[in-house]
């Protein structure tokens, strides 16, 4: 994992080797992926880096603020 290209606060350095795989065995690098969805509260289209979602999951899981399944 090459962390030299990331700043000290950039979470993507921790997901550099992470991948996403679908049922057809297509594999994508997490740091190259974004999730697009309609926010159910505002009904606006949203786009979030997948690495950011991993950061939120890890932070919530560690702090036990919410139930993470």
PDB file of N, CA and C in Angstrom:
ATOM      1  N   UNK A   1       0.854  -1.176   0.000  1.00  0.00           N
ATOM      2  CA  UNK A   1       0.000   0.000   0.000  1.00  0.00           C
ATOM      3  C   UNK A   1       0.896   1.235   0.000  1.00  0.00           C
ATOM      4  N   UNK A   2       0.719   2.090  -0.985  1.00  0.00           N
ATOM      5  CA  UNK A   2       1.513   3.307  -1.098  1.00  0.00           C
ATOM      6  C   UNK A   2       0.753   4.450  -0.456  1.00  0.00           C
ATOM      7  N   UNK A   3       1.161   4.856   0.737  1.00  0.00           N
ATOM      8  CA  UNK A   3       0.475   5.923   1.454  1.00  0.00           C
ATOM      9  C   UNK A   3       1.122   7.277   1.208  1.00  0.00           C
ATOM     10  N   UNK A   4       2.195   7.316   0.418  1.00  0.00           N
ATOM     11  CA  UNK A   4       2.901   8.572   0.208  1.00  0.00           C
ATOM     12  C   UNK A   4       2.080   9.590  -0.568  1.00  0.00           C
ATOM     13  N   UNK A   5       1.129   9.155  -1.388  1.00  0.00           N
ATOM     14  CA  UNK A   5       0.329  10.069  -2.178  1.00  0.00           C
ATOM     15  C   UNK A   5      -0.833  10.683  -1.435  1.00  0.00           C
ATOM     16  N   UNK A   6      -1.039  10.336  -0.184  1.00  0.00           N
ATOM     17  CA  UNK A   6      -2.169  10.824   0.588  1.00  0.00           C
ATOM     18  C   UNK A   6      -1.706  11.724   1.723  1.00  0.00           C
ATOM     19  N   UNK A   7      -2.530  12.704   2.068  1.00  0.00           N
ATOM     20  CA  UNK A   7      -2.206  13.549   3.216  1.00  0.00           C
ATOM     21  C   UNK A   7      -2.487  12.777   4.500  1.00  0.00           C
ATOM     22  N   UNK A   8      -2.040  13.318   5.619  1.00  0.00           N
ATOM     23  CA  UNK A   8      -2.170  12.612   6.893  1.00  0.00           C
ATOM     24  C   UNK A   8      -3.624  12.410   7.315  1.00  0.00           C
ATOM     25  N   UNK A   9      -4.546  13.260   6.856  1.00  0.00           N
ATOM     26  CA  UNK A   9      -5.948  13.133   7.257  1.00  0.00           C
ATOM     27  C   UNK A   9      -6.821  12.467   6.194  1.00  0.00           C
ATOM     28  N   UNK A  10      -6.221  12.008   5.112  1.00  0.00           N
ATOM     29  CA  UNK A  10      -6.981  11.395   4.015  1.00  0.00           C
ATOM     30  C   UNK A  10      -7.256   9.928   4.323  1.00  0.00           C
ATOM     31  N   UNK A  11      -8.527   9.577   4.503  1.00  0.00           N
ATOM     32  CA  UNK A  11      -8.917   8.218   4.860  1.00  0.00           C
ATOM     33  C   UNK A  11      -8.587   7.222   3.768  1.00  0.00           C
ATOM     34  N   UNK A  12      -8.499   7.656   2.499  1.00  0.00           N
ATOM     35  CA  UNK A  12      -8.270   6.732   1.384  1.00  0.00           C
ATOM     36  C   UNK A  12      -6.974   5.946   1.527  1.00  0.00           C
ATOM     37  N   UNK A  13      -6.040   6.426   2.316  1.00  0.00           N
ATOM     38  CA  UNK A  13      -4.806   5.669   2.524  1.00  0.00           C
ATOM     39  C   UNK A  13      -5.086   4.334   3.213  1.00  0.00           C
ATOM     40  N   UNK A  14      -6.175   4.251   3.959  1.00  0.00           N
ATOM     41  CA  UNK A  14      -6.533   3.011   4.647  1.00  0.00           C
ATOM     42  C   UNK A  14      -7.337   2.064   3.757  1.00  0.00           C
ATOM     43  N   UNK A  15      -7.865   2.552   2.645  1.00  0.00           N
ATOM     44  CA  UNK A  15      -8.685   1.718   1.763  1.00  0.00           C
ATOM     45  C   UNK A  15      -8.028   1.523   0.406  1.00  0.00           C
ATOM     46  N   UNK A  16      -6.740   1.785   0.316  1.00  0.00           N
ATOM     47  CA  UNK A  16      -6.020   1.709  -0.954  1.00  0.00           C
ATOM     48  C   UNK A  16      -6.071   0.317  -1.571  1.00  0.00           C
ATOM     49  N   UNK A  17      -6.089  -0.726  -0.756  1.00  0.00           N
ATOM     50  CA  UNK A  17      -6.099  -2.091  -1.280  1.00  0.00           C
ATOM     51  C   UNK A  17      -7.490  -2.729  -1.241  1.00  0.00           C
ATOM     52  N   UNK A  18      -8.512  -1.978  -0.845  1.00  0.00           N
ATOM     53  CA  UNK A  18      -9.880  -2.510  -0.765  1.00  0.00           C
ATOM     54  C   UNK A  18     -10.519  -2.572  -2.147  1.00  0.00           C
ATOM     55  N   UNK A  19     -11.330  -3.597  -2.364  1.00  0.00           N
ATOM     56  CA  UNK A  19     -12.024  -3.757  -3.646  1.00  0.00           C
ATOM     57  C   UNK A  19     -13.491  -4.055  -3.415  1.00  0.00           C
ATOM     58  N   UNK A  20     -14.280  -3.839  -4.464  1.00  0.00           N
ATOM     59  CA  UNK A  20     -15.704  -4.164  -4.476  1.00  0.00           C
ATOM     60  C   UNK A  20     -15.896  -5.209  -5.564  1.00  0.00           C
ATOM     61  N   UNK A  21     -16.623  -6.268  -5.249  1.00  0.00           N
ATOM     62  CA  UNK A  21     -16.857  -7.339  -6.214  1.00  0.00           C
ATOM     63  C   UNK A  21     -18.354  -7.587  -6.318  1.00  0.00           C
ATOM     64  N   UNK A  22     -18.841  -7.758  -7.552  1.00  0.00           N
ATOM     65  CA  UNK A  22     -20.261  -8.067  -7.732  1.00  0.00           C
ATOM     66  C   UNK A  22     -20.447  -9.550  -8.050  1.00  0.00           C
ATOM     67  N   UNK A  23     -21.685  -9.963  -8.289  1.00  0.00           N
ATOM     68  CA  UNK A  23     -21.996 -11.368  -8.557  1.00  0.00           C
ATOM     69  C   UNK A  23     -21.353 -11.888  -9.837  1.00  0.00           C
ATOM     70  N   UNK A  24     -20.989 -10.991 -10.735  1.00  0.00           N
ATOM     71  CA  UNK A  24     -20.367 -11.389 -12.002  1.00  0.00           C
ATOM     72  C   UNK A  24     -18.845 -11.372 -11.929  1.00  0.00           C
ATOM     73  N   UNK A  25     -18.305 -11.255 -10.721  1.00  0.00           N
ATOM     74  CA  UNK A  25     -16.863 -11.233 -10.465  1.00  0.00           C
ATOM     75  C   UNK A  25     -16.159  -9.996 -11.004  1.00  0.00           C
ATOM     76  N   UNK A  26     -16.905  -8.945 -11.296  1.00  0.00           N
ATOM     77  CA  UNK A  26     -16.279  -7.679 -11.662  1.00  0.00           C
ATOM     78  C   UNK A  26     -15.692  -7.075 -10.393  1.00  0.00           C
ATOM     79  N   UNK A  27     -14.475  -6.593 -10.462  1.00  0.00           N
ATOM     80  CA  UNK A  27     -13.799  -6.037  -9.291  1.00  0.00           C
ATOM     81  C   UNK A  27     -13.401  -4.597  -9.562  1.00  0.00           C
ATOM     82  N   UNK A  28     -13.724  -3.720  -8.615  1.00  0.00           N
ATOM     83  CA  UNK A  28     -13.387  -2.299  -8.721  1.00  0.00           C
ATOM     84  C   UNK A  28     -12.615  -1.874  -7.483  1.00  0.00           C
ATOM     85  N   UNK A  29     -11.703  -0.927  -7.635  1.00  0.00           N
ATOM     86  CA  UNK A  29     -10.971  -0.359  -6.507  1.00  0.00           C
ATOM     87  C   UNK A  29     -11.895   0.577  -5.739  1.00  0.00           C
ATOM     88  N   UNK A  30     -11.958   0.444  -4.431  1.00  0.00           N
ATOM     89  CA  UNK A  30     -12.834   1.252  -3.590  1.00  0.00           C
ATOM     90  C   UNK A  30     -12.548   2.742  -3.772  1.00  0.00           C
ATOM     91  N   UNK A  31     -11.289   3.121  -3.836  1.00  0.00           N
ATOM     92  CA  UNK A  31     -10.946   4.537  -3.938  1.00  0.00           C
ATOM     93  C   UNK A  31     -11.364   5.158  -5.264  1.00  0.00           C
ATOM     94  N   UNK A  32     -11.735   4.332  -6.236  1.00  0.00           N
ATOM     95  CA  UNK A  32     -12.198   4.827  -7.527  1.00  0.00           C
ATOM     96  C   UNK A  32     -13.717   4.809  -7.644  1.00  0.00           C
ATOM     97  N   UNK A  33     -14.425   4.413  -6.578  1.00  0.00           N
ATOM     98  CA  UNK A  33     -15.877   4.230  -6.635  1.00  0.00           C
ATOM     99  C   UNK A  33     -16.622   5.300  -5.845  1.00  0.00           C
ATOM    100  N   UNK A  34     -17.781   5.642  -6.371  1.00  0.00           N
ATOM    101  CA  UNK A  34     -18.706   6.539  -5.685  1.00  0.00           C
ATOM    102  C   UNK A  34     -20.062   5.845  -5.629  1.00  0.00           C
ATOM    103  N   UNK A  35     -20.819   6.144  -4.599  1.00  0.00           N
ATOM    104  CA  UNK A  35     -22.174   5.618  -4.464  1.00  0.00           C
ATOM    105  C   UNK A  35     -23.126   6.759  -4.772  1.00  0.00           C
ATOM    106  N   UNK A  36     -24.026   6.544  -5.723  1.00  0.00           N
ATOM    107  CA  UNK A  36     -25.038   7.537  -6.079  1.00  0.00           C
ATOM    108  C   UNK A  36     -26.388   7.004  -5.617  1.00  0.00           C
ATOM    109  N   UNK A  37     -27.150   7.863  -4.938  1.00  0.00           N
ATOM    110  CA  UNK A  37     -28.434   7.432  -4.395  1.00  0.00           C
ATOM    111  C   UNK A  37     -29.331   8.638  -4.190  1.00  0.00           C
ATOM    112  N   UNK A  38     -30.614   8.367  -3.975  1.00  0.00           N
ATOM    113  CA  UNK A  38     -31.568   9.411  -3.631  1.00  0.00           C
ATOM    114  C   UNK A  38     -31.717   9.430  -2.121  1.00  0.00           C
ATOM    115  N   UNK A  39     -31.423  10.579  -1.530  1.00  0.00           N
ATOM    116  CA  UNK A  39     -31.539  10.732  -0.083  1.00  0.00           C
ATOM    117  C   UNK A  39     -33.020  10.630   0.285  1.00  0.00           C
ATOM    118  N   UNK A  40     -33.392   9.672   1.143  1.00  0.00           N
ATOM    119  CA  UNK A  40     -34.811   9.494   1.462  1.00  0.00           C
ATOM    120  C   UNK A  40     -35.408  10.649   2.269  1.00  0.00           C
ATOM    121  N   UNK A  41     -34.575  11.436   2.913  1.00  0.00           N
ATOM    122  CA  UNK A  41     -35.089  12.563   3.706  1.00  0.00           C
ATOM    123  C   UNK A  41     -35.308  13.801   2.852  1.00  0.00           C
ATOM    124  N   UNK A  42     -34.345  14.106   1.981  1.00  0.00           N
ATOM    125  CA  UNK A  42     -34.451  15.315   1.173  1.00  0.00           C
ATOM    126  C   UNK A  42     -34.952  15.041  -0.241  1.00  0.00           C
ATOM    127  N   UNK A  43     -34.947  13.761  -0.636  1.00  0.00           N
ATOM    128  CA  UNK A  43     -35.311  13.321  -1.985  1.00  0.00           C
ATOM    129  C   UNK A  43     -34.394  13.913  -3.059  1.00  0.00           C
ATOM    130  N   UNK A  44     -33.206  14.353  -2.647  1.00  0.00           N
ATOM    131  CA  UNK A  44     -32.209  14.867  -3.584  1.00  0.00           C
ATOM    132  C   UNK A  44     -31.236  13.762  -3.948  1.00  0.00           C
ATOM    133  N   UNK A  45     -30.678  13.853  -5.148  1.00  0.00           N
ATOM    134  CA  UNK A  45     -29.658  12.918  -5.584  1.00  0.00           C
ATOM    135  C   UNK A  45     -28.349  13.243  -4.852  1.00  0.00           C
ATOM    136  N   UNK A  46     -27.710  12.224  -4.306  1.00  0.00           N
ATOM    137  CA  UNK A  46     -26.473  12.388  -3.546  1.00  0.00           C
ATOM    138  C   UNK A  46     -25.385  11.517  -4.146  1.00  0.00           C
ATOM    139  N   UNK A  47     -24.143  11.886  -3.912  1.00  0.00           N
ATOM    140  CA  UNK A  47     -22.996  11.103  -4.347  1.00  0.00           C
ATOM    141  C   UNK A  47     -21.957  11.114  -3.229  1.00  0.00           C
ATOM    142  N   UNK A  48     -21.488   9.916  -2.830  1.00  0.00           N
ATOM    143  CA  UNK A  48     -20.541   9.789  -1.727  1.00  0.00           C
ATOM    144  C   UNK A  48     -19.427   8.847  -2.163  1.00  0.00           C
ATOM    145  N   UNK A  49     -18.177   9.205  -1.819  1.00  0.00           N
ATOM    146  CA  UNK A  49     -17.061   8.294  -2.072  1.00  0.00           C
ATOM    147  C   UNK A  49     -17.244   7.043  -1.230  1.00  0.00           C
ATOM    148  N   UNK A  50     -17.016   5.887  -1.827  1.00  0.00           N
ATOM    149  CA  UNK A  50     -17.165   4.632  -1.098  1.00  0.00           C
ATOM    150  C   UNK A  50     -16.183   4.556   0.067  1.00  0.00           C
ATOM    151  N   UNK A  51     -14.989   5.110  -0.087  1.00  0.00           N
ATOM    152  CA  UNK A  51     -14.024   5.110   1.021  1.00  0.00           C
ATOM    153  C   UNK A  51     -14.566   5.894   2.223  1.00  0.00           C
ATOM    154  N   UNK A  52     -15.358   6.932   1.975  1.00  0.00           N
ATOM    155  CA  UNK A  52     -15.975   7.714   3.062  1.00  0.00           C
ATOM    156  C   UNK A  52     -16.994   6.866   3.818  1.00  0.00           C
ATOM    157  N   UNK A  53     -17.753   6.048   3.099  1.00  0.00           N
ATOM    158  CA  UNK A  53     -18.726   5.173   3.762  1.00  0.00           C
ATOM    159  C   UNK A  53     -18.024   4.153   4.654  1.00  0.00           C
ATOM    160  N   UNK A  54     -16.866   3.673   4.220  1.00  0.00           N
ATOM    161  CA  UNK A  54     -16.096   2.741   5.042  1.00  0.00           C
ATOM    162  C   UNK A  54     -15.630   3.442   6.304  1.00  0.00           C
ATOM    163  N   UNK A  55     -15.192   4.689   6.166  1.00  0.00           N
ATOM    164  CA  UNK A  55     -14.745   5.464   7.341  1.00  0.00           C
ATOM    165  C   UNK A  55     -15.879   5.628   8.342  1.00  0.00           C
ATOM    166  N   UNK A  56     -17.069   5.969   7.866  1.00  0.00           N
ATOM    167  CA  UNK A  56     -18.227   6.140   8.746  1.00  0.00           C
ATOM    168  C   UNK A  56     -18.576   4.821   9.436  1.00  0.00           C
ATOM    169  N   UNK A  57     -18.543   3.735   8.683  1.00  0.00           N
ATOM    170  CA  UNK A  57     -18.837   2.423   9.259  1.00  0.00           C
ATOM    171  C   UNK A  57     -17.858   2.088  10.379  1.00  0.00           C
ATOM    172  N   UNK A  58     -16.564   2.263  10.123  1.00  0.00           N
ATOM    173  CA  UNK A  58     -15.548   1.939  11.129  1.00  0.00           C
ATOM    174  C   UNK A  58     -15.699   2.832  12.354  1.00  0.00           C
ATOM    175  N   UNK A  59     -15.907   4.118  12.151  1.00  0.00           N
ATOM    176  CA  UNK A  59     -16.064   5.040  13.283  1.00  0.00           C
ATOM    177  C   UNK A  59     -17.296   4.706  14.114  1.00  0.00           C
ATOM    178  N   UNK A  60     -18.407   4.391  13.472  1.00  0.00           N
ATOM    179  CA  UNK A  60     -19.628   4.034  14.205  1.00  0.00           C
ATOM    180  C   UNK A  60     -19.463   2.706  14.934  1.00  0.00           C
ATOM    181  N   UNK A  61     -18.816   1.771  14.278  1.00  0.00           N
ATOM    182  CA  UNK A  61     -18.619   0.443  14.878  1.00  0.00           C
ATOM    183  C   UNK A  61     -17.743   0.545  16.126  1.00  0.00           C
ATOM    184  N   UNK A  62     -16.677   1.349  16.045  1.00  0.00           N
ATOM    185  CA  UNK A  62     -15.767   1.482  17.173  1.00  0.00           C
ATOM    186  C   UNK A  62     -16.392   2.236  18.337  1.00  0.00           C
ATOM    187  N   UNK A  63     -17.194   3.234  18.054  1.00  0.00           N
ATOM    188  CA  UNK A  63     -17.766   4.042  19.132  1.00  0.00           C
ATOM    189  C   UNK A  63     -19.079   3.480  19.653  1.00  0.00           C
ATOM    190  N   UNK A  64     -19.656   2.492  18.950  1.00  0.00           N
ATOM    191  CA  UNK A  64     -20.923   1.869  19.338  1.00  0.00           C
ATOM    192  C   UNK A  64     -22.049   2.873  19.502  1.00  0.00           C
ATOM    193  N   UNK A  65     -21.985   3.954  18.732  1.00  0.00           N
ATOM    194  CA  UNK A  65     -23.043   4.955  18.813  1.00  0.00           C
ATOM    195  C   UNK A  65     -24.325   4.461  18.166  1.00  0.00           C
ATOM    196  N   UNK A  66     -24.162   3.615  17.164  1.00  0.00           N
ATOM    197  CA  UNK A  66     -25.328   3.085  16.460  1.00  0.00           C
ATOM    198  C   UNK A  66     -25.144   1.598  16.254  1.00  0.00           C
ATOM    199  N   UNK A  67     -26.214   0.923  16.017  1.00  0.00           N
ATOM    200  CA  UNK A  67     -26.138  -0.497  15.702  1.00  0.00           C
ATOM    201  C   UNK A  67     -25.640  -0.647  14.269  1.00  0.00           C
ATOM    202  N   UNK A  68     -24.530  -1.324  14.114  1.00  0.00           N
ATOM    203  CA  UNK A  68     -23.939  -1.530  12.789  1.00  0.00           C
ATOM    204  C   UNK A  68     -24.040  -3.005  12.470  1.00  0.00           C
ATOM    205  N   UNK A  69     -24.706  -3.302  11.359  1.00  0.00           N
ATOM    206  CA  UNK A  69     -24.888  -4.711  10.970  1.00  0.00           C
ATOM    207  C   UNK A  69     -24.244  -4.956   9.647  1.00  0.00           C
TER     208      UNK A  69
END
